[in-house]
Amino acid sequence: MNSEWFDKPGGEPVHLVEHDPSWAVQAADWMLRIKAAIGPDAASAEHIGSTAVPGLIAKPVLDLQIAVPDI
């Protein structure tokens, strides 16, 4: 991935690409970083969405779901 954004898309056309096996590695790295930032309150982190499905064509945007016991 060349860029990172954490907000809503800016209206650009949807860009689909072939599955990239590195998505799982990148997601795992982000989940570790996020859980480290949250600290012991991080209950779970999961890689969800189309990039989490091996072999599926997807938008090259990682979707992560982070759960905490109490917001």
PDB file of N, CA and C in Angstrom:
ATOM      1  N   MET A   1       0.844  -1.177   0.000  1.00  0.00           N
ATOM      2  CA  MET A   1       0.000   0.000   0.000  1.00  0.00           C
ATOM      3  C   MET A   1       0.886   1.235   0.000  1.00  0.00           C
ATOM      4  N   ASN A   2       0.565   2.159  -0.854  1.00  0.00           N
ATOM      5  CA  ASN A   2       1.371   3.356  -0.943  1.00  0.00           C
ATOM      6  C   ASN A   2       0.884   4.475  -0.046  1.00  0.00           C
ATOM      7  N   SER A   3      -0.404   4.430   0.317  1.00  0.00           N
ATOM      8  CA  SER A   3      -0.923   5.527   1.119  1.00  0.00           C
ATOM      9  C   SER A   3      -1.775   4.973   2.251  1.00  0.00           C
ATOM     10  N   GLU A   4      -1.997   5.810   3.236  1.00  0.00           N
ATOM     11  CA  GLU A   4      -2.830   5.447   4.375  1.00  0.00           C
ATOM     12  C   GLU A   4      -3.834   6.562   4.575  1.00  0.00           C
ATOM     13  N   TRP A   5      -5.094   6.196   4.812  1.00  0.00           N
ATOM     14  CA  TRP A   5      -6.073   7.196   5.195  1.00  0.00           C
ATOM     15  C   TRP A   5      -6.980   6.590   6.232  1.00  0.00           C
ATOM     16  N   PHE A   6      -7.421   7.436   7.127  1.00  0.00           N
ATOM     17  CA  PHE A   6      -8.208   6.992   8.262  1.00  0.00           C
ATOM     18  C   PHE A   6      -9.545   7.715   8.306  1.00  0.00           C
ATOM     19  N   ASP A   7      -9.966   8.285   7.230  1.00  0.00           N
ATOM     20  CA  ASP A   7     -11.196   9.050   7.161  1.00  0.00           C
ATOM     21  C   ASP A   7     -12.032   8.504   6.015  1.00  0.00           C
ATOM     22  N   LYS A   8     -13.135   9.132   5.723  1.00  0.00           N
ATOM     23  CA  LYS A   8     -13.975   8.679   4.629  1.00  0.00           C
ATOM     24  C   LYS A   8     -13.279   8.937   3.293  1.00  0.00           C
ATOM     25  N   PRO A   9     -13.543   8.089   2.292  1.00  0.00           N
ATOM     26  CA  PRO A   9     -12.943   8.287   0.968  1.00  0.00           C
ATOM     27  C   PRO A   9     -13.351   9.637   0.389  1.00  0.00           C
ATOM     28  N   GLY A  10     -12.513  10.165  -0.470  1.00  0.00           N
ATOM     29  CA  GLY A  10     -12.751  11.481  -1.041  1.00  0.00           C
ATOM     30  C   GLY A  10     -13.519  11.501  -2.343  1.00  0.00           C
ATOM     31  N   GLY A  11     -14.233  10.432  -2.690  1.00  0.00           N
ATOM     32  CA  GLY A  11     -15.025  10.424  -3.912  1.00  0.00           C
ATOM     33  C   GLY A  11     -14.287   9.889  -5.119  1.00  0.00           C
ATOM     34  N   GLU A  12     -13.056   9.423  -4.932  1.00  0.00           N
ATOM     35  CA  GLU A  12     -12.310   8.889  -6.050  1.00  0.00           C
ATOM     36  C   GLU A  12     -12.929   7.546  -6.483  1.00  0.00           C
ATOM     37  N   PRO A  13     -12.729   7.132  -7.742  1.00  0.00           N
ATOM     38  CA  PRO A  13     -13.299   5.867  -8.213  1.00  0.00           C
ATOM     39  C   PRO A  13     -12.759   4.677  -7.416  1.00  0.00           C
ATOM     40  N   VAL A  14     -13.579   3.646  -7.305  1.00  0.00           N
ATOM     41  CA  VAL A  14     -13.167   2.430  -6.611  1.00  0.00           C
ATOM     42  C   VAL A  14     -12.092   1.741  -7.438  1.00  0.00           C
ATOM     43  N   HIS A  15     -11.026   1.342  -6.786  1.00  0.00           N
ATOM     44  CA  HIS A  15      -9.896   0.681  -7.447  1.00  0.00           C
ATOM     45  C   HIS A  15      -9.771  -0.716  -6.846  1.00  0.00           C
ATOM     46  N   LEU A  16     -10.028  -1.749  -7.650  1.00  0.00           N
ATOM     47  CA  LEU A  16      -9.925  -3.125  -7.192  1.00  0.00           C
ATOM     48  C   LEU A  16      -8.632  -3.749  -7.699  1.00  0.00           C
ATOM     49  N   VAL A  17      -8.037  -4.589  -6.877  1.00  0.00           N
ATOM     50  CA  VAL A  17      -6.791  -5.253  -7.250  1.00  0.00           C
ATOM     51  C   VAL A  17      -6.866  -6.733  -6.871  1.00  0.00           C
ATOM     52  N   GLU A  18      -5.978  -7.514  -7.440  1.00  0.00           N
ATOM     53  CA  GLU A  18      -5.874  -8.923  -7.081  1.00  0.00           C
ATOM     54  C   GLU A  18      -5.453  -9.033  -5.621  1.00  0.00           C
ATOM     55  N   HIS A  19      -5.823 -10.134  -4.996  1.00  0.00           N
ATOM     56  CA  HIS A  19      -5.461 -10.356  -3.594  1.00  0.00           C
ATOM     57  C   HIS A  19      -3.942 -10.282  -3.418  1.00  0.00           C
ATOM     58  N   ASP A  20      -3.516  -9.659  -2.348  1.00  0.00           N
ATOM     59  CA  ASP A  20      -2.098  -9.532  -2.017  1.00  0.00           C
ATOM     60  C   ASP A  20      -1.855 -10.264  -0.691  1.00  0.00           C
ATOM     61  N   PRO A  21      -1.075 -11.343  -0.696  1.00  0.00           N
ATOM     62  CA  PRO A  21      -0.826 -12.080   0.538  1.00  0.00           C
ATOM     63  C   PRO A  21      -0.217 -11.226   1.653  1.00  0.00           C
ATOM     64  N   SER A  22       0.400 -10.114   1.314  1.00  0.00           N
ATOM     65  CA  SER A  22       0.995  -9.260   2.352  1.00  0.00           C
ATOM     66  C   SER A  22      -0.063  -8.511   3.153  1.00  0.00           C
ATOM     67  N   TRP A  23      -1.315  -8.496   2.686  1.00  0.00           N
ATOM     68  CA  TRP A  23      -2.359  -7.814   3.443  1.00  0.00           C
ATOM     69  C   TRP A  23      -2.502  -8.407   4.841  1.00  0.00           C
ATOM     70  N   ALA A  24      -2.418  -9.726   4.946  1.00  0.00           N
ATOM     71  CA  ALA A  24      -2.543 -10.373   6.255  1.00  0.00           C
ATOM     72  C   ALA A  24      -1.403  -9.949   7.175  1.00  0.00           C
ATOM     73  N   VAL A  25      -0.205  -9.839   6.621  1.00  0.00           N
ATOM     74  CA  VAL A  25       0.964  -9.426   7.408  1.00  0.00           C
ATOM     75  C   VAL A  25       0.816  -7.967   7.839  1.00  0.00           C
ATOM     76  N   GLN A  26       0.389  -7.126   6.918  1.00  0.00           N
ATOM     77  CA  GLN A  26       0.193  -5.709   7.235  1.00  0.00           C
ATOM     78  C   GLN A  26      -0.890  -5.535   8.305  1.00  0.00           C
ATOM     79  N   ALA A  27      -1.971  -6.302   8.181  1.00  0.00           N
ATOM     80  CA  ALA A  27      -3.053  -6.215   9.167  1.00  0.00           C
ATOM     81  C   ALA A  27      -2.556  -6.649  10.540  1.00  0.00           C
ATOM     82  N   ALA A  28      -1.793  -7.731  10.583  1.00  0.00           N
ATOM     83  CA  ALA A  28      -1.253  -8.217  11.861  1.00  0.00           C
ATOM     84  C   ALA A  28      -0.355  -7.156  12.493  1.00  0.00           C
ATOM     85  N   ASP A  29       0.462  -6.495  11.678  1.00  0.00           N
ATOM     86  CA  ASP A  29       1.340  -5.441  12.190  1.00  0.00           C
ATOM     87  C   ASP A  29       0.523  -4.290  12.763  1.00  0.00           C
ATOM     88  N   TRP A  30      -0.510  -3.829  12.028  1.00  0.00           N
ATOM     89  CA  TRP A  30      -1.352  -2.742  12.513  1.00  0.00           C
ATOM     90  C   TRP A  30      -2.059  -3.137  13.799  1.00  0.00           C
ATOM     91  N   MET A  31      -2.554  -4.374  13.873  1.00  0.00           N
ATOM     92  CA  MET A  31      -3.264  -4.807  15.077  1.00  0.00           C
ATOM     93  C   MET A  31      -2.337  -4.818  16.293  1.00  0.00           C
ATOM     94  N   LEU A  32      -1.111  -5.247  16.104  1.00  0.00           N
ATOM     95  CA  LEU A  32      -0.141  -5.214  17.208  1.00  0.00           C
ATOM     96  C   LEU A  32       0.126  -3.781  17.659  1.00  0.00           C
ATOM     97  N   ARG A  33       0.297  -2.884  16.691  1.00  0.00           N
ATOM     98  CA  ARG A  33       0.564  -1.487  17.014  1.00  0.00           C
ATOM     99  C   ARG A  33      -0.615  -0.845  17.742  1.00  0.00           C
ATOM    100  N   ILE A  34      -1.817  -1.135  17.272  1.00  0.00           N
ATOM    101  CA  ILE A  34      -3.013  -0.564  17.888  1.00  0.00           C
ATOM    102  C   ILE A  34      -3.201  -1.114  19.296  1.00  0.00           C
ATOM    103  N   LYS A  35      -3.052  -2.434  19.439  1.00  0.00           N
ATOM    104  CA  LYS A  35      -3.209  -3.037  20.764  1.00  0.00           C
ATOM    105  C   LYS A  35      -2.148  -2.516  21.738  1.00  0.00           C
ATOM    106  N   ALA A  36      -0.936  -2.273  21.245  1.00  0.00           N
ATOM    107  CA  ALA A  36       0.112  -1.704  22.101  1.00  0.00           C
ATOM    108  C   ALA A  36      -0.252  -0.284  22.525  1.00  0.00           C
ATOM    109  N   ALA A  37      -0.861   0.477  21.617  1.00  0.00           N
ATOM    110  CA  ALA A  37      -1.248   1.852  21.945  1.00  0.00           C
ATOM    111  C   ALA A  37      -2.407   1.887  22.935  1.00  0.00           C
ATOM    112  N   ILE A  38      -3.337   0.954  22.795  1.00  0.00           N
ATOM    113  CA  ILE A  38      -4.492   0.916  23.700  1.00  0.00           C
ATOM    114  C   ILE A  38      -4.076   0.389  25.064  1.00  0.00           C
ATOM    115  N   GLY A  39      -3.150  -0.545  25.052  1.00  0.00           N
ATOM    116  CA  GLY A  39      -2.690  -1.131  26.313  1.00  0.00           C
ATOM    117  C   GLY A  39      -3.513  -2.344  26.694  1.00  0.00           C
ATOM    118  N   PRO A  40      -3.522  -2.668  27.958  1.00  0.00           N
ATOM    119  CA  PRO A  40      -4.165  -3.904  28.403  1.00  0.00           C
ATOM    120  C   PRO A  40      -5.685  -3.906  28.224  1.00  0.00           C
ATOM    121  N   ASP A  41      -6.274  -2.754  27.918  1.00  0.00           N
ATOM    122  CA  ASP A  41      -7.722  -2.704  27.717  1.00  0.00           C
ATOM    123  C   ASP A  41      -8.166  -3.254  26.371  1.00  0.00           C
ATOM    124  N   ALA A  42      -7.230  -3.472  25.445  1.00  0.00           N
ATOM    125  CA  ALA A  42      -7.605  -4.015  24.139  1.00  0.00           C
ATOM    126  C   ALA A  42      -8.030  -5.468  24.311  1.00  0.00           C
ATOM    127  N   ALA A  43      -9.296  -5.742  24.046  1.00  0.00           N
ATOM    128  CA  ALA A  43      -9.819  -7.092  24.225  1.00  0.00           C
ATOM    129  C   ALA A  43      -9.520  -7.968  23.013  1.00  0.00           C
ATOM    130  N   SER A  44      -9.722  -7.410  21.820  1.00  0.00           N
ATOM    131  CA  SER A  44      -9.452  -8.199  20.616  1.00  0.00           C
ATOM    132  C   SER A  44      -9.262  -7.289  19.421  1.00  0.00           C
ATOM    133  N   ALA A  45      -8.614  -7.828  18.416  1.00  0.00           N
ATOM    134  CA  ALA A  45      -8.416  -7.123  17.149  1.00  0.00           C
ATOM    135  C   ALA A  45      -8.549  -8.153  16.047  1.00  0.00           C
ATOM    136  N   GLU A  46      -9.282  -7.793  14.998  1.00  0.00           N
ATOM    137  CA  GLU A  46      -9.481  -8.716  13.886  1.00  0.00           C
ATOM    138  C   GLU A  46      -9.324  -7.998  12.553  1.00  0.00           C
ATOM    139  N   HIS A  47      -8.797  -8.721  11.581  1.00  0.00           N
ATOM    140  CA  HIS A  47      -8.719  -8.260  10.197  1.00  0.00           C
ATOM    141  C   HIS A  47     -10.016  -8.715   9.541  1.00  0.00           C
ATOM    142  N   ILE A  48     -10.832  -7.762   9.103  1.00  0.00           N
ATOM    143  CA  ILE A  48     -12.142  -8.077   8.531  1.00  0.00           C
ATOM    144  C   ILE A  48     -12.230  -7.513   7.117  1.00  0.00           C
ATOM    145  N   GLY A  49     -13.312  -7.779   6.444  1.00  0.00           N
ATOM    146  CA  GLY A  49     -13.549  -7.204   5.132  1.00  0.00           C
ATOM    147  C   GLY A  49     -12.892  -7.997   4.010  1.00  0.00           C
ATOM    148  N   SER A  50     -12.971  -7.443   2.816  1.00  0.00           N
ATOM    149  CA  SER A  50     -12.541  -8.163   1.620  1.00  0.00           C
ATOM    150  C   SER A  50     -11.050  -8.487   1.588  1.00  0.00           C
ATOM    151  N   THR A  51     -10.216  -7.639   2.188  1.00  0.00           N
ATOM    152  CA  THR A  51      -8.777  -7.936   2.163  1.00  0.00           C
ATOM    153  C   THR A  51      -8.416  -9.091   3.083  1.00  0.00           C
ATOM    154  N   ALA A  52      -9.348  -9.510   3.932  1.00  0.00           N
ATOM    155  CA  ALA A  52      -9.104 -10.634   4.842  1.00  0.00           C
ATOM    156  C   ALA A  52      -9.444 -11.979   4.195  1.00  0.00           C
ATOM    157  N   VAL A  53      -9.989 -11.957   2.982  1.00  0.00           N
ATOM    158  CA  VAL A  53     -10.404 -13.191   2.308  1.00  0.00           C
ATOM    159  C   VAL A  53      -9.367 -13.556   1.247  1.00  0.00           C
ATOM    160  N   PRO A  54      -8.579 -14.603   1.483  1.00  0.00           N
ATOM    161  CA  PRO A  54      -7.554 -14.999   0.505  1.00  0.00           C
ATOM    162  C   PRO A  54      -8.167 -15.257  -0.880  1.00  0.00           C
ATOM    163  N   GLY A  55      -7.535 -14.690  -1.897  1.00  0.00           N
ATOM    164  CA  GLY A  55      -7.960 -14.910  -3.277  1.00  0.00           C
ATOM    165  C   GLY A  55      -9.030 -13.970  -3.785  1.00  0.00           C
ATOM    166  N   LEU A  56      -9.615 -13.151  -2.906  1.00  0.00           N
ATOM    167  CA  LEU A  56     -10.695 -12.263  -3.315  1.00  0.00           C
ATOM    168  C   LEU A  56     -10.136 -10.945  -3.838  1.00  0.00           C
ATOM    169  N   ILE A  57     -10.632 -10.509  -5.000  1.00  0.00           N
ATOM    170  CA  ILE A  57     -10.284  -9.189  -5.520  1.00  0.00           C
ATOM    171  C   ILE A  57     -10.893  -8.159  -4.572  1.00  0.00           C
ATOM    172  N   ALA A  58     -10.133  -7.102  -4.250  1.00  0.00           N
ATOM    173  CA  ALA A  58     -10.598  -6.165  -3.231  1.00  0.00           C
ATOM    174  C   ALA A  58     -10.021  -4.771  -3.436  1.00  0.00           C
ATOM    175  N   LYS A  59     -10.626  -3.810  -2.741  1.00  0.00           N
ATOM    176  CA  LYS A  59     -10.009  -2.490  -2.641  1.00  0.00           C
ATOM    177  C   LYS A  59      -8.801  -2.668  -1.731  1.00  0.00           C
ATOM    178  N   PRO A  60      -7.665  -2.085  -2.053  1.00  0.00           N
ATOM    179  CA  PRO A  60      -6.468  -2.265  -1.223  1.00  0.00           C
ATOM    180  C   PRO A  60      -6.512  -1.395   0.039  1.00  0.00           C
ATOM    181  N   VAL A  61      -7.554  -1.603   0.845  1.00  0.00           N
ATOM    182  CA  VAL A  61      -7.745  -0.863   2.091  1.00  0.00           C
ATOM    183  C   VAL A  61      -8.007  -1.894   3.180  1.00  0.00           C
ATOM    184  N   LEU A  62      -7.175  -1.917   4.191  1.00  0.00           N
ATOM    185  CA  LEU A  62      -7.340  -2.881   5.277  1.00  0.00           C
ATOM    186  C   LEU A  62      -8.424  -2.409   6.236  1.00  0.00           C
ATOM    187  N   ASP A  63      -9.337  -3.321   6.561  1.00  0.00           N
ATOM    188  CA  ASP A  63     -10.369  -3.043   7.554  1.00  0.00           C
ATOM    189  C   ASP A  63     -10.026  -3.835   8.802  1.00  0.00           C
ATOM    190  N   LEU A  64      -9.934  -3.135   9.922  1.00  0.00           N
ATOM    191  CA  LEU A  64      -9.632  -3.774  11.192  1.00  0.00           C
ATOM    192  C   LEU A  64     -10.762  -3.466  12.159  1.00  0.00           C
ATOM    193  N   GLN A  65     -11.093  -4.459  12.978  1.00  0.00           N
ATOM    194  CA  GLN A  65     -12.109  -4.268  14.013  1.00  0.00           C
ATOM    195  C   GLN A  65     -11.433  -4.452  15.364  1.00  0.00           C
ATOM    196  N   ILE A  66     -11.488  -3.420  16.185  1.00  0.00           N
ATOM    197  CA  ILE A  66     -10.868  -3.438  17.502  1.00  0.00           C
ATOM    198  C   ILE A  66     -11.976  -3.398  18.551  1.00  0.00           C
ATOM    199  N   ALA A  67     -11.904  -4.301  19.518  1.00  0.00           N
ATOM    200  CA  ALA A  67     -12.891  -4.332  20.597  1.00  0.00           C
ATOM    201  C   ALA A  67     -12.204  -4.031  21.922  1.00  0.00           C
ATOM    202  N   VAL A  68     -12.909  -3.268  22.739  1.00  0.00           N
ATOM    203  CA  VAL A  68     -12.444  -2.988  24.100  1.00  0.00           C
ATOM    204  C   VAL A  68     -13.595  -3.306  25.052  1.00  0.00           C
ATOM    205  N   PRO A  69     -13.294  -3.668  26.290  1.00  0.00           N
ATOM    206  CA  PRO A  69     -14.355  -4.061  27.206  1.00  0.00           C
ATOM    207  C   PRO A  69     -15.311  -2.910  27.566  1.00  0.00           C
ATOM    208  N   ASP A  70     -14.782  -1.692  27.584  1.00  0.00           N
ATOM    209  CA  ASP A  70     -15.618  -0.545  27.950  1.00  0.00           C
ATOM    210  C   ASP A  70     -15.049   0.691  27.277  1.00  0.00           C
ATOM    211  N   ILE A  71     -15.873   1.328  26.481  1.00  0.00           N
ATOM    212  CA  ILE A  71     -15.393   2.508  25.755  1.00  0.00           C
ATOM    213  C   ILE A  71     -15.305   3.687  26.696  1.00  0.00           C
TER     214      ILE A  71
END
